[in-house]
């Protein structure tokens, strides 16, 4: 999809450089797709709230509009927020599991801060392993060679951007953790399921593949991530700081 804009309905890349024609006075007319004869991007006239609702509903048209036609430049800002959210959830579990509240308060603040930084580095390592698993899963499916006009650098950049933008569900973990413990575990699993399906839909749209194949890619990334969990990170950090 690196060639330009696409029709949100059929996903075909358009030969035109614009999705709409602008007239004098500020009026615009959205162009029609040459392949399916539908409006190329109906979301150009939609309110952002409606676009967000369609993204939440996993509509491929909304994903094509956001990931391909719009391409917001906030993915790396979101990446920082994701890592902080993941680290906070892990840090909260470490300091609350099986411990009374009074014992957590006796910890020195510097110890808590160093503990959080360590868990943050662990979250970064796991996120990196997840991306490595995604790339390896795509290699397994041999998807990377389906587009001859796109080099690997553009391919990896587009895929990383799509995954980061579609992982917005990770931000929901903060209010979940702040709720009572009786609901947090179930809600966290629901958030993980939502992020899983959202990532799969993004890969499906960007790579023009089946949803089951995109689910396999995301599952492969999670599998590689699970293989390099805390035990391997602890071993790696002990070798580095030895």
C-alpha atoms as a PDB file:
ATOM      1  CA  UNK A   1       0.000   0.000   0.000  1.00  0.00           C
ATOM      2  CA  UNK A   2       2.988   2.283  -0.183  1.00  0.00           C
ATOM      3  CA  UNK A   3       2.075   3.551  -3.626  1.00  0.00           C
ATOM      4  CA  UNK A   4      -0.491   6.104  -2.433  1.00  0.00           C
ATOM      5  CA  UNK A   5      -4.138   6.414  -1.498  1.00  0.00           C
ATOM      6  CA  UNK A   6      -6.571   3.519  -1.679  1.00  0.00           C
ATOM      7  CA  UNK A   7     -10.304   3.068  -1.982  1.00  0.00           C
ATOM      8  CA  UNK A   8     -11.618   2.277   1.489  1.00  0.00           C
ATOM      9  CA  UNK A   9     -14.300  -0.005   0.037  1.00  0.00           C
ATOM     10  CA  UNK A  10     -12.308  -2.354  -2.210  1.00  0.00           C
ATOM     11  CA  UNK A  11      -8.749  -1.596  -1.071  1.00  0.00           C
ATOM     12  CA  UNK A  12      -7.444  -0.962  -4.591  1.00  0.00           C
ATOM     13  CA  UNK A  13      -4.683   1.605  -4.969  1.00  0.00           C
ATOM     14  CA  UNK A  14      -5.807   4.598  -7.004  1.00  0.00           C
ATOM     15  CA  UNK A  15      -3.779   6.109  -9.814  1.00  0.00           C
ATOM     16  CA  UNK A  16      -4.914   9.561  -8.696  1.00  0.00           C
ATOM     17  CA  UNK A  17      -2.858  11.491  -6.182  1.00  0.00           C
ATOM     18  CA  UNK A  18      -5.922  13.014  -4.516  1.00  0.00           C
ATOM     19  CA  UNK A  19      -9.029  11.564  -2.932  1.00  0.00           C
ATOM     20  CA  UNK A  20     -11.130  14.654  -3.607  1.00  0.00           C
ATOM     21  CA  UNK A  21     -11.336  17.650  -5.895  1.00  0.00           C
ATOM     22  CA  UNK A  22     -11.408  21.099  -4.347  1.00  0.00           C
ATOM     23  CA  UNK A  23     -13.350  23.942  -5.969  1.00  0.00           C
ATOM     24  CA  UNK A  24     -13.288  27.671  -5.473  1.00  0.00           C
ATOM     25  CA  UNK A  25     -15.019  28.751  -2.315  1.00  0.00           C
ATOM     26  CA  UNK A  26     -13.800  25.740  -0.330  1.00  0.00           C
ATOM     27  CA  UNK A  27     -16.294  23.186  -1.656  1.00  0.00           C
ATOM     28  CA  UNK A  28     -14.944  19.687  -2.261  1.00  0.00           C
ATOM     29  CA  UNK A  29     -16.173  16.638  -4.152  1.00  0.00           C
ATOM     30  CA  UNK A  30     -14.953  13.189  -3.211  1.00  0.00           C
ATOM     31  CA  UNK A  31     -13.773  11.193  -6.212  1.00  0.00           C
ATOM     32  CA  UNK A  32     -15.085   7.766  -7.170  1.00  0.00           C
ATOM     33  CA  UNK A  33     -13.035   4.590  -7.336  1.00  0.00           C
ATOM     34  CA  UNK A  34     -12.079   3.391 -10.804  1.00  0.00           C
ATOM     35  CA  UNK A  35     -12.419  -0.268  -9.759  1.00  0.00           C
ATOM     36  CA  UNK A  36     -15.658  -0.495  -7.760  1.00  0.00           C
ATOM     37  CA  UNK A  37     -17.330   2.835  -8.669  1.00  0.00           C
ATOM     38  CA  UNK A  38     -17.883   3.642  -4.984  1.00  0.00           C
ATOM     39  CA  UNK A  39     -16.812   6.809  -3.188  1.00  0.00           C
ATOM     40  CA  UNK A  40     -13.106   6.376  -2.564  1.00  0.00           C
ATOM     41  CA  UNK A  41     -13.021   7.613   1.030  1.00  0.00           C
ATOM     42  CA  UNK A  42     -16.352   8.452   2.627  1.00  0.00           C
ATOM     43  CA  UNK A  43     -14.609   9.129   5.936  1.00  0.00           C
ATOM     44  CA  UNK A  44     -13.264  12.426   4.620  1.00  0.00           C
ATOM     45  CA  UNK A  45     -16.696  13.864   5.407  1.00  0.00           C
ATOM     46  CA  UNK A  46     -17.175  12.008   8.689  1.00  0.00           C
ATOM     47  CA  UNK A  47     -16.849  13.459  12.165  1.00  0.00           C
ATOM     48  CA  UNK A  48     -13.773  12.101  14.012  1.00  0.00           C
ATOM     49  CA  UNK A  49     -16.050  10.569  16.646  1.00  0.00           C
ATOM     50  CA  UNK A  50     -17.813   8.478  13.989  1.00  0.00           C
ATOM     51  CA  UNK A  51     -14.456   7.393  12.580  1.00  0.00           C
ATOM     52  CA  UNK A  52     -13.353   6.289  16.050  1.00  0.00           C
ATOM     53  CA  UNK A  53     -16.572   4.303  16.481  1.00  0.00           C
ATOM     54  CA  UNK A  54     -16.011   2.479  13.185  1.00  0.00           C
ATOM     55  CA  UNK A  55     -12.413   1.762  14.199  1.00  0.00           C
ATOM     56  CA  UNK A  56     -13.663   0.318  17.485  1.00  0.00           C
ATOM     57  CA  UNK A  57     -16.048  -1.866  15.470  1.00  0.00           C
ATOM     58  CA  UNK A  58     -13.076  -3.117  13.398  1.00  0.00           C
ATOM     59  CA  UNK A  59     -14.516  -1.951  10.087  1.00  0.00           C
ATOM     60  CA  UNK A  60     -11.825  -2.408   7.399  1.00  0.00           C
ATOM     61  CA  UNK A  61     -12.956   0.782   5.634  1.00  0.00           C
ATOM     62  CA  UNK A  62     -12.139   2.827   8.736  1.00  0.00           C
ATOM     63  CA  UNK A  63      -8.775   1.084   9.114  1.00  0.00           C
ATOM     64  CA  UNK A  64      -7.880   1.837   5.481  1.00  0.00           C
ATOM     65  CA  UNK A  65      -8.795   5.484   6.001  1.00  0.00           C
ATOM     66  CA  UNK A  66      -6.658   5.847   9.134  1.00  0.00           C
ATOM     67  CA  UNK A  67      -3.694   3.597   8.341  1.00  0.00           C
ATOM     68  CA  UNK A  68      -3.274   4.222   4.610  1.00  0.00           C
ATOM     69  CA  UNK A  69      -5.002   7.424   3.525  1.00  0.00           C
ATOM     70  CA  UNK A  70      -4.473   9.533   6.639  1.00  0.00           C
ATOM     71  CA  UNK A  71      -1.335   8.050   8.250  1.00  0.00           C
ATOM     72  CA  UNK A  72      -1.289  10.088  11.494  1.00  0.00           C
ATOM     73  CA  UNK A  73       2.227  10.788  12.757  1.00  0.00           C
ATOM     74  CA  UNK A  74       1.595   9.871  16.393  1.00  0.00           C
ATOM     75  CA  UNK A  75       2.678   6.233  16.406  1.00  0.00           C
ATOM     76  CA  UNK A  76       5.905   6.770  18.337  1.00  0.00           C
ATOM     77  CA  UNK A  77       4.158   8.922  20.932  1.00  0.00           C
ATOM     78  CA  UNK A  78       1.678   6.083  21.359  1.00  0.00           C
ATOM     79  CA  UNK A  79       4.543   3.604  21.642  1.00  0.00           C
ATOM     80  CA  UNK A  80       5.893   5.467  24.682  1.00  0.00           C
ATOM     81  CA  UNK A  81       2.434   5.468  26.264  1.00  0.00           C
ATOM     82  CA  UNK A  82       2.029   1.732  25.602  1.00  0.00           C
ATOM     83  CA  UNK A  83       5.336   0.921  27.262  1.00  0.00           C
ATOM     84  CA  UNK A  84       4.495   3.074  30.275  1.00  0.00           C
ATOM     85  CA  UNK A  85       1.085   1.406  30.580  1.00  0.00           C
ATOM     86  CA  UNK A  86       2.559  -2.098  30.347  1.00  0.00           C
ATOM     87  CA  UNK A  87       5.256  -1.232  32.867  1.00  0.00           C
ATOM     88  CA  UNK A  88       2.734   0.275  35.270  1.00  0.00           C
ATOM     89  CA  UNK A  89       0.528  -2.834  35.149  1.00  0.00           C
ATOM     90  CA  UNK A  90       3.509  -5.119  35.811  1.00  0.00           C
ATOM     91  CA  UNK A  91       4.821  -2.814  38.533  1.00  0.00           C
ATOM     92  CA  UNK A  92       1.402  -2.668  40.178  1.00  0.00           C
ATOM     93  CA  UNK A  93       1.137  -6.465  40.168  1.00  0.00           C
ATOM     94  CA  UNK A  94       4.590  -6.860  41.701  1.00  0.00           C
ATOM     95  CA  UNK A  95       3.837  -4.444  44.531  1.00  0.00           C
ATOM     96  CA  UNK A  96       0.313  -5.630  45.289  1.00  0.00           C
ATOM     97  CA  UNK A  97       0.395  -9.413  44.810  1.00  0.00           C
ATOM     98  CA  UNK A  98       0.100 -11.109  48.177  1.00  0.00           C
ATOM     99  CA  UNK A  99       1.185  -8.018  50.100  1.00  0.00           C
ATOM    100  CA  UNK A 100      -0.827  -5.848  52.462  1.00  0.00           C
ATOM    101  CA  UNK A 101      -1.053  -2.168  51.640  1.00  0.00           C
ATOM    102  CA  UNK A 102       0.954  -1.182  54.700  1.00  0.00           C
ATOM    103  CA  UNK A 103       3.987  -3.225  53.620  1.00  0.00           C
ATOM    104  CA  UNK A 104       4.066  -1.492  50.232  1.00  0.00           C
ATOM    105  CA  UNK A 105       4.184   1.880  51.972  1.00  0.00           C
ATOM    106  CA  UNK A 106       7.280   0.876  53.936  1.00  0.00           C
ATOM    107  CA  UNK A 107       9.319   0.528  50.769  1.00  0.00           C
ATOM    108  CA  UNK A 108      11.774   3.271  50.069  1.00  0.00           C
ATOM    109  CA  UNK A 109      10.694   5.515  47.189  1.00  0.00           C
ATOM    110  CA  UNK A 110      14.054   5.113  45.469  1.00  0.00           C
ATOM    111  CA  UNK A 111      13.618   1.337  45.521  1.00  0.00           C
ATOM    112  CA  UNK A 112      10.155   1.657  43.986  1.00  0.00           C
ATOM    113  CA  UNK A 113      11.522   3.989  41.321  1.00  0.00           C
ATOM    114  CA  UNK A 114      14.381   1.658  40.392  1.00  0.00           C
ATOM    115  CA  UNK A 115      11.943  -1.232  40.359  1.00  0.00           C
ATOM    116  CA  UNK A 116       9.711   0.629  37.925  1.00  0.00           C
ATOM    117  CA  UNK A 117      12.638   1.452  35.620  1.00  0.00           C
ATOM    118  CA  UNK A 118      13.663  -2.199  35.593  1.00  0.00           C
ATOM    119  CA  UNK A 119      10.128  -3.312  34.747  1.00  0.00           C
ATOM    120  CA  UNK A 120       9.946  -0.619  32.052  1.00  0.00           C
ATOM    121  CA  UNK A 121      13.082  -2.008  30.413  1.00  0.00           C
ATOM    122  CA  UNK A 122      11.516  -5.462  30.635  1.00  0.00           C
ATOM    123  CA  UNK A 123       8.377  -4.156  28.883  1.00  0.00           C
ATOM    124  CA  UNK A 124      10.540  -2.636  26.126  1.00  0.00           C
ATOM    125  CA  UNK A 125      12.329  -5.950  25.629  1.00  0.00           C
ATOM    126  CA  UNK A 126       9.043  -7.886  25.409  1.00  0.00           C
ATOM    127  CA  UNK A 127       7.561  -5.359  22.961  1.00  0.00           C
ATOM    128  CA  UNK A 128      10.649  -5.716  20.773  1.00  0.00           C
ATOM    129  CA  UNK A 129      10.312  -9.499  20.849  1.00  0.00           C
ATOM    130  CA  UNK A 130       6.667  -9.148  19.818  1.00  0.00           C
ATOM    131  CA  UNK A 131       7.686  -7.187  16.715  1.00  0.00           C
ATOM    132  CA  UNK A 132      10.388  -9.733  15.913  1.00  0.00           C
ATOM    133  CA  UNK A 133       7.735 -12.439  16.136  1.00  0.00           C
ATOM    134  CA  UNK A 134       5.469 -10.490  13.786  1.00  0.00           C
ATOM    135  CA  UNK A 135       8.196 -10.154  11.170  1.00  0.00           C
ATOM    136  CA  UNK A 136       9.084 -13.822  11.523  1.00  0.00           C
ATOM    137  CA  UNK A 137       5.435 -14.826  11.207  1.00  0.00           C
ATOM    138  CA  UNK A 138       5.097 -12.806   8.015  1.00  0.00           C
ATOM    139  CA  UNK A 139       8.237 -14.448   6.687  1.00  0.00           C
ATOM    140  CA  UNK A 140       6.631 -17.817   7.381  1.00  0.00           C
ATOM    141  CA  UNK A 141       3.572 -16.829   5.356  1.00  0.00           C
ATOM    142  CA  UNK A 142       5.830 -15.447   2.633  1.00  0.00           C
ATOM    143  CA  UNK A 143       3.846 -12.211   2.527  1.00  0.00           C
ATOM    144  CA  UNK A 144       6.843  -9.948   2.192  1.00  0.00           C
ATOM    145  CA  UNK A 145       7.398 -10.926  -1.451  1.00  0.00           C
ATOM    146  CA  UNK A 146       3.854 -10.237  -2.685  1.00  0.00           C
ATOM    147  CA  UNK A 147       4.571  -6.593  -3.531  1.00  0.00           C
ATOM    148  CA  UNK A 148       7.496  -6.059  -5.874  1.00  0.00           C
ATOM    149  CA  UNK A 149       7.202  -2.270  -5.899  1.00  0.00           C
ATOM    150  CA  UNK A 150       7.846  -1.906  -2.188  1.00  0.00           C
ATOM    151  CA  UNK A 151      11.226  -2.320  -0.584  1.00  0.00           C
ATOM    152  CA  UNK A 152      11.685  -3.991   2.768  1.00  0.00           C
ATOM    153  CA  UNK A 153      12.402  -0.726   4.587  1.00  0.00           C
ATOM    154  CA  UNK A 154       9.024   0.710   3.558  1.00  0.00           C
ATOM    155  CA  UNK A 155       7.371  -2.599   4.388  1.00  0.00           C
ATOM    156  CA  UNK A 156       8.712  -2.736   7.950  1.00  0.00           C
ATOM    157  CA  UNK A 157       7.958   0.947   8.528  1.00  0.00           C
ATOM    158  CA  UNK A 158       4.348   0.560   7.376  1.00  0.00           C
ATOM    159  CA  UNK A 159       3.840  -2.572   9.446  1.00  0.00           C
ATOM    160  CA  UNK A 160       5.291  -0.995  12.602  1.00  0.00           C
ATOM    161  CA  UNK A 161       3.125   2.079  12.121  1.00  0.00           C
ATOM    162  CA  UNK A 162       0.000  -0.054  11.622  1.00  0.00           C
ATOM    163  CA  UNK A 163       0.668  -2.133  14.738  1.00  0.00           C
ATOM    164  CA  UNK A 164       1.402   0.899  16.905  1.00  0.00           C
ATOM    165  CA  UNK A 165      -1.679   2.787  15.748  1.00  0.00           C
ATOM    166  CA  UNK A 166      -3.929  -0.253  16.160  1.00  0.00           C
ATOM    167  CA  UNK A 167      -2.708  -1.029  19.692  1.00  0.00           C
ATOM    168  CA  UNK A 168      -4.636   1.894  21.177  1.00  0.00           C
ATOM    169  CA  UNK A 169      -6.555  -0.575  23.340  1.00  0.00           C
ATOM    170  CA  UNK A 170      -3.463  -0.867  25.553  1.00  0.00           C
ATOM    171  CA  UNK A 171      -4.345   2.542  26.988  1.00  0.00           C
ATOM    172  CA  UNK A 172      -7.427   0.983  28.593  1.00  0.00           C
ATOM    173  CA  UNK A 173      -5.301  -0.915  31.107  1.00  0.00           C
ATOM    174  CA  UNK A 174      -4.857   2.146  33.316  1.00  0.00           C
ATOM    175  CA  UNK A 175      -8.548   2.550  34.251  1.00  0.00           C
ATOM    176  CA  UNK A 176      -8.779  -1.245  34.510  1.00  0.00           C
ATOM    177  CA  UNK A 177      -5.972  -1.386  37.080  1.00  0.00           C
ATOM    178  CA  UNK A 178      -7.577   1.427  39.051  1.00  0.00           C
ATOM    179  CA  UNK A 179     -10.793  -0.610  39.383  1.00  0.00           C
ATOM    180  CA  UNK A 180     -11.333  -3.212  42.070  1.00  0.00           C
ATOM    181  CA  UNK A 181      -9.211  -6.346  41.914  1.00  0.00           C
ATOM    182  CA  UNK A 182     -12.259  -8.569  41.489  1.00  0.00           C
ATOM    183  CA  UNK A 183     -12.776  -7.261  37.955  1.00  0.00           C
ATOM    184  CA  UNK A 184      -9.268  -6.306  36.849  1.00  0.00           C
ATOM    185  CA  UNK A 185      -8.097  -9.751  35.667  1.00  0.00           C
ATOM    186  CA  UNK A 186     -11.141 -10.337  33.479  1.00  0.00           C
ATOM    187  CA  UNK A 187     -10.983  -6.808  32.086  1.00  0.00           C
ATOM    188  CA  UNK A 188      -7.271  -7.129  31.352  1.00  0.00           C
ATOM    189  CA  UNK A 189      -7.916 -10.282  29.329  1.00  0.00           C
ATOM    190  CA  UNK A 190     -10.696  -8.511  27.441  1.00  0.00           C
ATOM    191  CA  UNK A 191      -8.319  -5.635  26.684  1.00  0.00           C
ATOM    192  CA  UNK A 192      -5.697  -8.105  25.424  1.00  0.00           C
ATOM    193  CA  UNK A 193      -8.303  -9.771  23.215  1.00  0.00           C
ATOM    194  CA  UNK A 194      -9.358  -6.410  21.801  1.00  0.00           C
ATOM    195  CA  UNK A 195      -5.745  -5.444  21.051  1.00  0.00           C
ATOM    196  CA  UNK A 196      -5.200  -8.852  19.421  1.00  0.00           C
ATOM    197  CA  UNK A 197      -8.156  -8.466  17.044  1.00  0.00           C
ATOM    198  CA  UNK A 198      -7.282  -4.834  16.346  1.00  0.00           C
ATOM    199  CA  UNK A 199      -3.695  -5.755  15.410  1.00  0.00           C
ATOM    200  CA  UNK A 200      -4.982  -8.577  13.222  1.00  0.00           C
ATOM    201  CA  UNK A 201      -7.379  -6.231  11.421  1.00  0.00           C
ATOM    202  CA  UNK A 202      -4.588  -3.695  10.848  1.00  0.00           C
ATOM    203  CA  UNK A 203      -2.274  -6.344   9.360  1.00  0.00           C
ATOM    204  CA  UNK A 204      -5.130  -7.621   7.212  1.00  0.00           C
ATOM    205  CA  UNK A 205      -5.719  -4.125   5.803  1.00  0.00           C
ATOM    206  CA  UNK A 206      -2.078  -3.129   5.300  1.00  0.00           C
ATOM    207  CA  UNK A 207      -0.935  -6.434   3.790  1.00  0.00           C
ATOM    208  CA  UNK A 208      -4.207  -7.287   1.979  1.00  0.00           C
ATOM    209  CA  UNK A 209      -4.404 -10.743   3.504  1.00  0.00           C
ATOM    210  CA  UNK A 210      -7.044 -12.964   5.090  1.00  0.00           C
ATOM    211  CA  UNK A 211      -8.104 -12.291   8.666  1.00  0.00           C
ATOM    212  CA  UNK A 212      -7.121 -15.809   9.745  1.00  0.00           C
ATOM    213  CA  UNK A 213      -3.639 -15.286   8.309  1.00  0.00           C
ATOM    214  CA  UNK A 214      -3.292 -11.966  10.117  1.00  0.00           C
ATOM    215  CA  UNK A 215      -4.449 -13.651  13.342  1.00  0.00           C
ATOM    216  CA  UNK A 216      -1.707 -16.237  12.809  1.00  0.00           C
ATOM    217  CA  UNK A 217       0.887 -13.467  12.439  1.00  0.00           C
ATOM    218  CA  UNK A 218      -0.210 -11.740  15.654  1.00  0.00           C
ATOM    219  CA  UNK A 219      -0.381 -15.063  17.507  1.00  0.00           C
ATOM    220  CA  UNK A 220       3.131 -15.879  16.281  1.00  0.00           C
ATOM    221  CA  UNK A 221       4.331 -12.542  17.640  1.00  0.00           C
ATOM    222  CA  UNK A 222       2.731 -13.258  21.017  1.00  0.00           C
ATOM    223  CA  UNK A 223       4.295 -16.727  21.019  1.00  0.00           C
ATOM    224  CA  UNK A 224       7.783 -15.322  20.472  1.00  0.00           C
ATOM    225  CA  UNK A 225       7.045 -12.721  23.137  1.00  0.00           C
ATOM    226  CA  UNK A 226       6.015 -15.477  25.562  1.00  0.00           C
ATOM    227  CA  UNK A 227       9.248 -17.362  24.880  1.00  0.00           C
ATOM    228  CA  UNK A 228      11.278 -14.343  25.988  1.00  0.00           C
ATOM    229  CA  UNK A 229       9.355 -13.465  29.112  1.00  0.00           C
ATOM    230  CA  UNK A 230      10.770 -12.407  32.449  1.00  0.00           C
ATOM    231  CA  UNK A 231      13.070 -15.407  32.961  1.00  0.00           C
ATOM    232  CA  UNK A 232      15.090 -14.774  29.802  1.00  0.00           C
ATOM    233  CA  UNK A 233      15.091 -11.029  30.395  1.00  0.00           C
ATOM    234  CA  UNK A 234      16.375 -11.559  33.938  1.00  0.00           C
ATOM    235  CA  UNK A 235      19.186 -13.760  32.595  1.00  0.00           C
ATOM    236  CA  UNK A 236      20.048 -11.194  29.924  1.00  0.00           C
ATOM    237  CA  UNK A 237      20.080  -8.297  32.384  1.00  0.00           C
ATOM    238  CA  UNK A 238      22.262 -10.261  34.815  1.00  0.00           C
ATOM    239  CA  UNK A 239      24.805 -10.837  32.037  1.00  0.00           C
ATOM    240  CA  UNK A 240      24.759  -7.170  31.054  1.00  0.00           C
ATOM    241  CA  UNK A 241      25.096  -5.762  34.567  1.00  0.00           C
ATOM    242  CA  UNK A 242      27.423  -8.470  35.844  1.00  0.00           C
END
